[in-house]
């Protein structure tokens, strides 16, 4: 991840800090780079020493100056009034809110040169972003940029990242690199943390998509109201021209009603009553799922552009909703309905999202990232009717995160699964046994519950005990290739364990 960027000719500090720093005497110097990481400082850089929550780069000002920083900007109140600094030092209240503006200026407004699509919501961000990036890419002529949970880059060449939405300097550097590669369209997952911490400030969004809102990250946001207000910011604090909203979500309905009249919007739904109720008020896309023995999605569509039919290799009602979000977005981006359907119907599966192994003379094993009560319910309900045998669920919950969702996830698995195996996810600094105890508190009848802290052993045991015709969901980690214990990430992949246990070799 690029945390610093160098301009050979430099950038005027006065122009860079205009209307950000309340000072009439900004030093007349040129900075050749900006960074928030003292380890990335090059001679001539502006070092941004900010604080947000428990994060702070303020203690590293001396290191940055020693490495050659030509100027420093920091939070007002972060340092004593008299602070010996050999280079110009500027102070700004709540500096984190302005970093994106500085980065956008320094990189010469990269997002203005491309079509940027922001996707937010509790669940579905990764799937919708990935499907859109596939649909907007052409192997022969163009590739769409992608920034999100699965990495940063283009759909065919993603580099793993540490955050779903990168911090502001890194984000604008990424967009600059994509502009340099002549990439004209970028799809970005916009997380609630990214919104709350102003990481996307300065980005010009052409279209914003809202997928849904359900419980997650309440360790950070404290309440569902605060969480919802944070998601709303993508549609209120940024000058988006187009919006796509899920009307099967209560907050989505509210958000749709609040949108300014000058935003061109599409609402989508899988509910016929919702469609009939609102089709006169909003532009609506309605999808009616046609039952299919293969489990794959087939939908009859009613849209502002006409009626049609959408087949897909994906499965599950939640993926049908994701496809409607993508179809609406593509048509707002001037795809014809026919071309949008052609693009989406040829999309491939997404790593760690309903990724399926086995079947035939083996149990069918599905690996999915579902790590919230709503996502787990959506996946389990889809799998419940997809086989003739038992439905098993192997899952855990992450440590040092929203503890309140743990019993809720236990209750969901009890509702749908015939057999439950509770194991470790990413315990982080919590004891796995304590996390499992929280999950068990939501399960009334524990006769069909097994506990195996070792995740690899839990997966192996359940696959070996299941029969052909059974379905096993391994939930929570999806695409992740590590397991985090006591602050250390060790290599671990649900998919690799499944392949090895089933005897699948590339």
Foldseek 3Di string as FASTA:
>chain_A
DDFKAFDPVFDFPCVLCPPQFPDPCDDGDGAGMEGQDLVPAAARYEHEFEDDDPDTSVVCLVSNVVRHHQEYEYAVPPDPPDDDDPHHYTHGHLCLQCPLVSLCVVLVNLLVQAAEEEEEEDPDLVVLQLLLQLLPADPVPAGEWEQACVATGTSVDGDHDDHRQDAQNVNSVSSSVCVVVVHHHYYGYQYLVCQVSNRCPSRAHQEYEYQEYDDFQCVPQVDSVSSLVSRLCVQVVHPYQEYEFEPVYPSSVVSVVPHDPRRQYEYEYQDPVVCVVCVVPHFYKYWDFDDDLQQWTKTWIQGPQGTDIATARDHFPSVVSSLRRSLRVVVVVVDRSVSSRVSSRPDDDDFQCQDWDDADFFAIEGGHQDAFLVSLLRVLVSVLPNFDDFEEEEEFHEAPGDLVRQLSNLLSCLVRGPAYEYEDAAPAEHDRVVRVVSNVVNHDDCPRYHYDHPRLVSLLVVRVPDGRRYYYYYYNQGNDQWHHDNNDTDGHDPVVSVCVSVVNDD
